[in-house]
Amino acid sequence: MTNNFPPNNFQQILEMGQQVQARLAQLQSDLGQKTVSSSSGGGMVTATADGRGKLRGIKIDPSVVAGGDVEMLEDLVLAAVSEAQTRAQQLYEDEMKKLSGGFPLPFQFPEL
């Protein structure tokens, strides 16, 4: 029985896998340092998330609270957070495309 991979080619494949794994680890670290923000209600509520989608901050204009409309405030917060997380997902996908050279990878990476 013959082996389809000579040892040096198999070793190269392993090394490439290790390089991709190292780049992915670096990417995850970098994404944790980057932030994206989104606002709703004409800037009355702003949400900031890191590149992994983890919420890092919420800013609420005091005039929204003074109005006493809790339901509107809830809607504005939800909209700002959702958009910030969508932007974080897009950032992640853009960075993954750079990592893979624009080619779709044959497997799905776990959620960050």
Protein backbone atom coordinates (compact mmCIF):
# COMPACT_ATOMS: atom_id res chain seq x y z
CA MET A 1 0.00 0.00 0.00
CA THR A 2 1.42 3.36 -0.97
CA ASN A 3 1.02 6.58 0.90
CA ASN A 4 -0.38 9.49 -1.15
CA PHE A 5 1.49 12.05 0.91
CA PRO A 6 5.27 11.92 1.13
CA PRO A 7 6.35 12.87 4.66
CA ASN A 8 7.62 16.30 3.61
CA ASN A 9 4.26 17.26 2.05
CA PHE A 10 2.36 16.02 5.10
CA GLN A 11 4.72 18.04 7.29
CA GLN A 12 4.05 21.12 5.16
CA ILE A 13 0.30 20.61 5.56
CA LEU A 14 0.71 20.38 9.33
CA GLU A 15 2.85 23.52 9.36
CA MET A 16 0.27 25.39 7.29
CA GLY A 17 -2.45 24.30 9.70
CA GLN A 18 -0.40 25.57 12.63
CA GLN A 19 0.17 28.89 10.86
CA VAL A 20 -3.56 29.30 10.21
CA GLN A 21 -4.29 28.43 13.83
CA ALA A 22 -1.78 31.03 15.02
CA ARG A 23 -3.23 33.65 12.70
CA LEU A 24 -6.74 32.84 13.91
CA ALA A 25 -5.64 33.22 17.53
CA GLN A 26 -4.05 36.57 16.68
CA LEU A 27 -7.21 37.62 14.81
CA GLN A 28 -9.37 36.80 17.84
CA SER A 29 -7.08 38.86 20.03
CA ASP A 30 -7.09 41.76 17.56
CA LEU A 31 -10.88 41.69 17.26
CA GLY A 32 -11.14 41.97 21.03
CA GLN A 33 -9.22 45.25 20.80
CA LYS A 34 -11.24 46.78 17.95
CA THR A 35 -14.58 48.47 18.55
CA VAL A 36 -17.61 49.31 16.47
CA SER A 37 -20.39 51.69 17.46
CA SER A 38 -23.92 52.30 16.38
CA SER A 39 -26.51 54.84 17.41
CA SER A 40 -30.26 55.05 17.23
CA GLY A 41 -32.81 57.80 17.65
CA GLY A 42 -30.61 60.35 15.95
CA GLY A 43 -27.76 59.68 18.38
CA MET A 44 -29.87 59.50 21.53
CA VAL A 45 -28.55 56.00 22.28
CA THR A 46 -25.10 54.70 21.26
CA ALA A 47 -23.90 51.13 21.72
CA THR A 48 -20.26 50.07 21.42
CA ALA A 49 -19.16 46.46 20.91
CA ASP A 50 -15.78 44.88 20.37
CA GLY A 51 -14.92 43.05 17.16
CA ARG A 52 -16.16 39.81 18.68
CA GLY A 53 -19.62 41.26 19.29
CA LYS A 54 -19.28 41.67 23.04
CA LEU A 55 -21.08 44.77 24.23
CA ARG A 56 -18.59 47.24 25.72
CA GLY A 57 -20.70 50.31 26.43
CA ILE A 58 -24.01 52.11 26.19
CA LYS A 59 -24.45 55.89 26.17
CA ILE A 60 -27.89 57.40 26.62
CA ASP A 61 -28.66 61.06 26.08
CA PRO A 62 -30.24 62.40 29.30
CA SER A 63 -33.13 63.91 27.32
CA VAL A 64 -34.36 60.38 26.51
CA VAL A 65 -34.64 59.55 30.21
CA ALA A 66 -36.25 62.89 31.06
CA GLY A 67 -39.10 62.10 28.67
CA GLY A 68 -40.08 59.11 30.78
CA ASP A 69 -40.91 56.96 27.75
CA VAL A 70 -39.36 53.68 28.91
CA GLU A 71 -40.71 51.73 25.96
CA MET A 72 -39.04 54.11 23.48
CA LEU A 73 -35.78 53.90 25.43
CA GLU A 74 -35.92 50.10 25.35
CA ASP A 75 -36.48 50.18 21.58
CA LEU A 76 -33.60 52.61 21.04
CA VAL A 77 -31.22 50.51 23.15
CA LEU A 78 -32.23 47.33 21.36
CA ALA A 79 -31.77 48.94 17.93
CA ALA A 80 -28.34 50.37 18.80
CA VAL A 81 -27.09 47.10 20.32
CA SER A 82 -28.38 45.00 17.42
CA GLU A 83 -26.70 47.24 14.85
CA ALA A 84 -23.40 47.29 16.80
CA GLN A 85 -23.42 43.48 16.91
CA THR A 86 -24.19 43.33 13.18
CA ARG A 87 -21.24 45.63 12.50
CA ALA A 88 -19.01 43.47 14.70
CA GLN A 89 -20.08 40.38 12.72
CA GLN A 90 -19.26 42.17 9.46
CA LEU A 91 -15.85 43.16 10.85
CA TYR A 92 -15.21 39.53 11.81
CA GLU A 93 -16.23 38.31 8.34
CA ASP A 94 -14.04 40.92 6.63
CA GLU A 95 -11.04 39.93 8.73
CA MET A 96 -11.67 36.23 8.05
CA LYS A 97 -11.70 36.94 4.30
CA LYS A 98 -8.32 38.62 4.67
CA LEU A 99 -7.02 35.64 6.65
CA SER A 100 -8.24 33.12 4.07
CA GLY A 101 -7.16 35.18 1.08
CA GLY A 102 -10.78 35.65 0.07
CA PHE A 103 -11.42 31.95 -0.42
CA PRO A 104 -14.23 30.31 1.53
CA LEU A 105 -12.83 27.99 4.10
CA PRO A 106 -13.95 24.35 4.00
CA PHE A 107 -15.08 24.40 7.61
CA GLN A 108 -16.96 26.70 9.96
CA PHE A 109 -15.04 28.39 12.73
CA PRO A 110 -16.66 28.34 16.16
CA GLU A 111 -18.47 31.45 17.32
CA LEU A 112 -16.16 33.96 18.91
